[in-house]
Structure formats: C-alpha cells, structure tokens
C-alpha atoms as a PDB file:
ATOM      1  CA  MET A   1      24.313 -12.344 -51.771  1.00  0.00           C
ATOM      2  CA  GLY A   2      21.148 -10.502 -52.804  1.00  0.00           C
ATOM      3  CA  ALA A   3      20.414  -6.804 -52.394  1.00  0.00           C
ATOM      4  CA  SER A   4      18.032  -7.452 -49.493  1.00  0.00           C
ATOM      5  CA  ASP A   5      20.670  -9.513 -47.628  1.00  0.00           C
ATOM      6  CA  ALA A   6      22.924  -6.468 -47.300  1.00  0.00           C
ATOM      7  CA  TYR A   7      20.356  -4.677 -45.137  1.00  0.00           C
ATOM      8  CA  GLU A   8      19.466  -7.555 -42.804  1.00  0.00           C
ATOM      9  CA  THR A   9      20.567  -7.302 -39.212  1.00  0.00           C
ATOM     10  CA  LYS A  10      21.342 -10.152 -36.860  1.00  0.00           C
ATOM     11  CA  PRO A  11      18.519 -10.853 -34.381  1.00  0.00           C
ATOM     12  CA  PHE A  12      18.945 -10.204 -30.682  1.00  0.00           C
ATOM     13  CA  VAL A  13      19.509 -13.183 -28.410  1.00  0.00           C
ATOM     14  CA  SER A  14      16.129 -12.573 -26.784  1.00  0.00           C
ATOM     15  CA  VAL A  15      14.419 -12.814 -30.195  1.00  0.00           C
ATOM     16  CA  LEU A  16      16.135 -16.116 -30.927  1.00  0.00           C
ATOM     17  CA  LEU A  17      15.181 -17.501 -27.523  1.00  0.00           C
ATOM     18  CA  LYS A  18      11.536 -16.617 -28.119  1.00  0.00           C
ATOM     19  CA  ARG A  19      11.549 -17.863 -31.707  1.00  0.00           C
ATOM     20  CA  PHE A  20      12.896 -21.284 -30.735  1.00  0.00           C
ATOM     21  CA  ARG A  21      11.022 -21.352 -27.403  1.00  0.00           C
ATOM     22  CA  LEU A  22      14.192 -21.873 -25.430  1.00  0.00           C
ATOM     23  CA  LYS A  23      14.588 -21.200 -21.731  1.00  0.00           C
ATOM     24  CA  VAL A  24      17.926 -20.103 -20.342  1.00  0.00           C
ATOM     25  CA  PRO A  25      18.713 -19.826 -16.621  1.00  0.00           C
ATOM     26  CA  THR A  26      18.788 -16.208 -15.453  1.00  0.00           C
ATOM     27  CA  ARG A  27      22.332 -16.595 -14.127  1.00  0.00           C
ATOM     28  CA  ILE A  28      23.414 -17.009 -17.772  1.00  0.00           C
ATOM     29  CA  PHE A  29      21.125 -14.559 -19.567  1.00  0.00           C
ATOM     30  CA  ALA A  30      19.222 -11.903 -17.652  1.00  0.00           C
ATOM     31  CA  PRO A  31      18.653  -8.171 -17.918  1.00  0.00           C
ATOM     32  CA  VAL A  32      21.098  -6.151 -15.857  1.00  0.00           C
ATOM     33  CA  ASN A  33      19.773  -3.096 -14.075  1.00  0.00           C
ATOM     34  CA  VAL A  34      22.450  -0.420 -14.089  1.00  0.00           C
ATOM     35  CA  PRO A  35      21.906   2.154 -11.356  1.00  0.00           C
ATOM     36  CA  VAL A  36      21.603   5.703 -12.647  1.00  0.00           C
ATOM     37  CA  TYR A  37      21.799   8.605 -10.223  1.00  0.00           C
ATOM     38  CA  ARG A  38      20.772  12.188 -10.756  1.00  0.00           C
ATOM     39  CA  ILE A  39      21.371  15.325  -8.713  1.00  0.00           C
ATOM     40  CA  TYR A  40      18.079  17.221  -8.743  1.00  0.00           C
ATOM     41  CA  VAL A  41      16.863  20.718  -7.965  1.00  0.00           C
ATOM     42  CA  LEU A  42      13.140  21.026  -7.216  1.00  0.00           C
ATOM     43  CA  LEU A  43      11.980  24.644  -7.418  1.00  0.00           C
ATOM     44  CA  LEU A  44       8.666  25.491  -5.767  1.00  0.00           C
ATOM     45  CA  SER A  45       6.087  26.873  -8.186  1.00  0.00           C
ATOM     46  CA  ASP A  46       6.173  30.291  -6.478  1.00  0.00           C
ATOM     47  CA  HIS A  47      10.011  30.267  -6.825  1.00  0.00           C
ATOM     48  CA  SER A  48      10.429  31.035  -3.118  1.00  0.00           C
ATOM     49  CA  LYS A  49      12.450  27.921  -2.230  1.00  0.00           C
ATOM     50  CA  LEU A  50      14.227  24.991  -3.810  1.00  0.00           C
ATOM     51  CA  LYS A  51      15.436  21.568  -2.721  1.00  0.00           C
ATOM     52  CA  VAL A  52      18.729  19.965  -3.769  1.00  0.00           C
ATOM     53  CA  GLY A  53      19.095  16.201  -3.569  1.00  0.00           C
ATOM     54  CA  PHE A  54      20.071  13.051  -5.417  1.00  0.00           C
ATOM     55  CA  SER A  55      18.128   9.949  -6.303  1.00  0.00           C
ATOM     56  CA  GLY A  56      18.020   6.933  -8.558  1.00  0.00           C
ATOM     57  CA  ASN A  57      14.440   7.929  -9.415  1.00  0.00           C
ATOM     58  CA  TRP A  58      14.075  11.655  -8.926  1.00  0.00           C
ATOM     59  CA  VAL A  59      10.517  11.858 -10.295  1.00  0.00           C
ATOM     60  CA  LYS A  60       9.319   9.349  -7.707  1.00  0.00           C
ATOM     61  CA  ARG A  61      11.225  11.271  -5.050  1.00  0.00           C
ATOM     62  CA  ALA A  62       9.550  14.554  -6.064  1.00  0.00           C
ATOM     63  CA  PHE A  63       6.121  12.945  -5.792  1.00  0.00           C
ATOM     64  CA  ASP A  64       6.877  11.039  -2.573  1.00  0.00           C
ATOM     65  CA  ILE A  65       7.878  14.041  -0.462  1.00  0.00           C
ATOM     66  CA  ILE A  66       4.630  15.979  -1.055  1.00  0.00           C
ATOM     67  CA  LYS A  67       1.835  15.066   1.341  1.00  0.00           C
ATOM     68  CA  PRO A  68      -1.835  14.972   0.279  1.00  0.00           C
ATOM     69  CA  PRO A  69      -3.937  16.942  -0.490  1.00  0.00           C
ATOM     70  CA  PHE A  70      -1.043  18.782  -2.156  1.00  0.00           C
ATOM     71  CA  ILE A  71      -0.017  17.623  -5.627  1.00  0.00           C
ATOM     72  CA  ALA A  72       3.615  17.615  -6.807  1.00  0.00           C
ATOM     73  CA  GLU A  73       2.696  18.976 -10.243  1.00  0.00           C
ATOM     74  CA  GLU A  74       1.166  22.027  -8.542  1.00  0.00           C
ATOM     75  CA  GLN A  75       3.876  22.508  -5.903  1.00  0.00           C
ATOM     76  CA  PHE A  76       6.946  22.406  -8.179  1.00  0.00           C
ATOM     77  CA  ASP A  77       7.771  24.446 -11.270  1.00  0.00           C
ATOM     78  CA  LEU A  78       7.857  21.600 -13.797  1.00  0.00           C
ATOM     79  CA  ASN A  79       9.736  23.579 -16.457  1.00  0.00           C
ATOM     80  CA  MET A  80      12.439  24.938 -14.143  1.00  0.00           C
ATOM     81  CA  SER A  81      12.985  21.978 -11.787  1.00  0.00           C
ATOM     82  CA  PHE A  82      15.711  19.803 -13.258  1.00  0.00           C
ATOM     83  CA  SER A  83      18.142  16.979 -12.702  1.00  0.00           C
ATOM     84  CA  ILE A  84      21.627  16.249 -13.990  1.00  0.00           C
ATOM     85  CA  LEU A  85      22.824  12.743 -14.761  1.00  0.00           C
ATOM     86  CA  ILE A  86      25.746  11.569 -12.651  1.00  0.00           C
ATOM     87  CA  ARG A  87      27.946   9.102 -14.507  1.00  0.00           C
ATOM     88  CA  GLY A  88      29.279   7.241 -11.536  1.00  0.00           C
ATOM     89  CA  SER A  89      28.497   5.314  -8.418  1.00  0.00           C
ATOM     90  CA  LEU A  90      26.145   5.982  -5.538  1.00  0.00           C
ATOM     91  CA  SER A  91      29.065   7.294  -3.485  1.00  0.00           C
ATOM     92  CA  GLU A  92      30.029   9.753  -6.248  1.00  0.00           C
ATOM     93  CA  ALA A  93      26.441  11.066  -6.411  1.00  0.00           C
ATOM     94  CA  ARG A  94      26.349  11.432  -2.623  1.00  0.00           C
ATOM     95  CA  GLU A  95      29.679  13.238  -2.657  1.00  0.00           C
ATOM     96  CA  LEU A  96      28.559  15.743  -5.310  1.00  0.00           C
ATOM     97  CA  GLU A  97      25.329  16.407  -3.402  1.00  0.00           C
ATOM     98  CA  LYS A  98      27.388  17.021  -0.263  1.00  0.00           C
ATOM     99  CA  ILE A  99      29.710  19.424  -2.133  1.00  0.00           C
ATOM    100  CA  VAL A 100      26.740  21.434  -3.466  1.00  0.00           C
ATOM    101  CA  LEU A 101      24.942  21.517  -0.114  1.00  0.00           C
ATOM    102  CA  ASN A 102      28.055  22.578   1.804  1.00  0.00           C
ATOM    103  CA  PHE A 103      29.043  25.235  -0.732  1.00  0.00           C
ATOM    104  CA  PHE A 104      25.642  26.956  -0.715  1.00  0.00           C
ATOM    105  CA  ARG A 105      24.913  26.371   2.976  1.00  0.00           C
ATOM    106  CA  ASN A 106      27.960  28.495   3.788  1.00  0.00           C
ATOM    107  CA  LYS A 107      26.696  31.451   1.725  1.00  0.00           C
ATOM    108  CA  ASP A 108      24.909  33.999   3.857  1.00  0.00           C
ATOM    109  CA  GLY A 109      21.139  34.055   3.341  1.00  0.00           C
ATOM    110  CA  TYR A 110      20.965  31.070   0.997  1.00  0.00           C
ATOM    111  CA  GLN A 111      19.781  28.382   3.455  1.00  0.00           C
ATOM    112  CA  ALA A 112      16.005  28.181   3.931  1.00  0.00           C
ATOM    113  CA  ALA A 113      13.656  26.212   6.143  1.00  0.00           C
ATOM    114  CA  ALA A 114      11.824  23.331   4.486  1.00  0.00           C
ATOM    115  CA  PRO A 115       8.182  24.116   3.600  1.00  0.00           C
ATOM    116  CA  ASN A 116       6.908  21.559   6.112  1.00  0.00           C
ATOM    117  CA  GLU A 117       3.265  22.430   5.466  1.00  0.00           C
ATOM    118  CA  ILE A 118       3.421  20.577   2.119  1.00  0.00           C
ATOM    119  CA  LEU A 119       6.002  17.887   2.980  1.00  0.00           C
ATOM    120  CA  TYR A 120       5.850  14.603   4.817  1.00  0.00           C
ATOM    121  CA  PHE A 121       7.621  14.844   8.172  1.00  0.00           C
ATOM    122  CA  GLY A 122      11.358  14.413   7.642  1.00  0.00           C
ATOM    123  CA  ALA A 123      11.069  14.194   3.857  1.00  0.00           C
ATOM    124  CA  GLY A 124      12.459  17.633   3.227  1.00  0.00           C
ATOM    125  CA  GLY A 125      15.987  17.239   4.458  1.00  0.00           C
ATOM    126  CA  ARG A 126      17.043  19.759   7.068  1.00  0.00           C
ATOM    127  CA  PHE A 127      19.914  21.255   5.064  1.00  0.00           C
ATOM    128  CA  GLU A 128      18.660  20.625   1.522  1.00  0.00           C
ATOM    129  CA  TRP A 129      16.426  23.699   1.152  1.00  0.00           C
ATOM    130  CA  PHE A 130      17.590  27.061  -0.166  1.00  0.00           C
ATOM    131  CA  ASN A 131      15.966  30.353  -1.082  1.00  0.00           C
ATOM    132  CA  GLY A 132      14.713  30.456  -4.655  1.00  0.00           C
ATOM    133  CA  PHE A 133      17.027  33.295  -5.707  1.00  0.00           C
ATOM    134  CA  ALA A 134      19.912  30.761  -5.637  1.00  0.00           C
ATOM    135  CA  PHE A 135      18.386  28.667  -8.460  1.00  0.00           C
ATOM    136  CA  GLY A 136      20.501  30.003 -11.356  1.00  0.00           C
ATOM    137  CA  GLU A 137      23.710  29.923  -9.357  1.00  0.00           C
ATOM    138  CA  ILE A 138      23.109  26.332  -8.199  1.00  0.00           C
ATOM    139  CA  LYS A 139      22.324  25.227 -11.751  1.00  0.00           C
ATOM    140  CA  ARG A 140      25.514  26.812 -13.104  1.00  0.00           C
ATOM    141  CA  PHE A 141      27.542  25.313 -10.233  1.00  0.00           C
ATOM    142  CA  LEU A 142      26.264  21.818 -11.064  1.00  0.00           C
ATOM    143  CA  ILE A 143      26.717  22.112 -14.829  1.00  0.00           C
ATOM    144  CA  ASP A 144      30.237  23.545 -14.490  1.00  0.00           C
ATOM    145  CA  HIS A 145      31.405  21.158 -11.748  1.00  0.00           C
ATOM    146  CA  ASP A 146      34.496  19.081 -12.591  1.00  0.00           C
ATOM    147  CA  SER A 147      32.806  15.759 -11.753  1.00  0.00           C
ATOM    148  CA  ILE A 148      30.131  16.291 -14.431  1.00  0.00           C
ATOM    149  CA  LYS A 149      31.776  14.822 -17.511  1.00  0.00           C
ATOM    150  CA  PHE A 150      28.763  14.942 -19.818  1.00  0.00           C
ATOM    151  CA  VAL A 151      25.921  17.307 -19.034  1.00  0.00           C
ATOM    152  CA  SER A 152      22.559  15.634 -19.396  1.00  0.00           C
ATOM    153  CA  VAL A 153      19.931  17.996 -18.001  1.00  0.00           C
ATOM    154  CA  GLN A 154      16.328  16.854 -17.723  1.00  0.00           C
ATOM    155  CA  THR A 155      13.389  19.011 -16.612  1.00  0.00           C
ATOM    156  CA  LEU A 156      10.764  17.592 -14.279  1.00  0.00           C
ATOM    157  CA  LEU A 157       8.164  18.070 -17.016  1.00  0.00           C
ATOM    158  CA  ASP A 158      10.200  15.956 -19.470  1.00  0.00           C
ATOM    159  CA  ALA A 159      10.949  13.327 -16.827  1.00  0.00           C
ATOM    160  CA  ILE A 160       7.250  12.967 -15.965  1.00  0.00           C
ATOM    161  CA  ALA A 161       6.365  12.651 -19.656  1.00  0.00           C
ATOM    162  CA  MET A 162       9.079  10.032 -20.134  1.00  0.00           C
ATOM    163  CA  ASN A 163       7.811   7.993 -17.154  1.00  0.00           C
ATOM    164  CA  ILE A 164       4.253   8.129 -18.552  1.00  0.00           C
ATOM    165  CA  ASN A 165       5.372   7.124 -22.056  1.00  0.00           C
ATOM    166  CA  ASN A 166       7.413   4.228 -20.685  1.00  0.00           C
ATOM    167  CA  SER A 167       4.629   2.922 -18.435  1.00  0.00           C
ATOM    168  CA  ALA A 168       3.151   0.914 -21.328  1.00  0.00           C
ATOM    169  CA  SER A 169       6.373  -1.083 -21.531  1.00  0.00           C
ATOM    170  CA  ASP A 170       6.666  -1.732 -17.775  1.00  0.00           C
ATOM    171  CA  GLU A 171       5.848  -5.396 -18.244  1.00  0.00           C
ATOM    172  CA  PHE A 172       8.898  -5.824 -20.498  1.00  0.00           C
ATOM    173  CA  VAL A 173      11.445  -3.415 -19.045  1.00  0.00           C
ATOM    174  CA  ASN A 174      12.177  -2.575 -15.449  1.00  0.00           C
ATOM    175  CA  ILE A 175      12.171   1.257 -15.410  1.00  0.00           C
ATOM    176  CA  ASP A 176      13.142   1.640 -11.730  1.00  0.00           C
END
C-alpha cells in the first residue's frame, strides 16, 4: 500500500451511481428529509413587542407574516431575533411553544396585542405576542428549559445569510 493510498476515502454511493451512470429506484436510494423544528422569538426593530412561535422554516415564517409594503428585515431586529433548535418531533415543538406561551401569558403585563398594521390578517397569532421587555426572560426560559438537550441558538441575521448562501445549491439539496 502506497503513501497516497492511506489518505484515500471511499466514494459516496451517489458518486458511484453517477460515475457508472446507474439508476436506482427512489424507494431503494433517495434523500430523506428529516423535519427540523425551531422555537423562534421575533423581536420588532423598535423592541416594543415580540412574537413567540415554532416552525420548520422560521425564516420563511418571519417573511410570510409581514404584509407589503413592509419588509421583514426592517420590521424585526435581525441581531436579537433568534430561534432554538428542537431535537424532537412536531408534537414536542408544539408542546414547548405551548409551555412558553402559557407561562408568559399568565404574567401580568406581558401579553401584548399583535401589531396588525404590519401583519397579514390572522398571521400574528392572538396569544403569541408579548411586550418587548420580556425578551431576555423568554430567551433564558427557552435556553434553560428541561426539554432543550443541546442549545443551538441562531439569530435571524445568521439564518437569512445561511438561506442565501444555500440558495445556489437548491437544485441539489432540498433546503425546506
């Protein structure tokens, strides 16, 4: 065995299939999309209110709830708005969102009306909006919660940049 052989890696199955121009039925070999859910906190740029929710694509959700002519990048604080990865099922993400919403809804003065002037009708969630002063407390609550086994926090700014950087590979990888 030569020195260069020690550093060679075995090719991926997809590389072999392309190299030998083989076709395999998708039921045998196909990409598997694993759902990933995130609990998110969207803080308005003036820090007056915030929205708590969960989504499989929180960046898309942030952009979808803002109605034109308003622009999501101008309405939300991109550096402060964040999401936390939920390592679990859809039902576990829903349950954690419910726990957060119920905990802070019951605190006097925390609940706020949705800023309907910038949102599509019904997109805001009636009980998902809180006053901005609760931001730090909500973030700590999420990070310290027992169901969060590994804290993976992502800012909206980073998530937008990641979506833009990955858009060139959309034809090869399903990002949604």
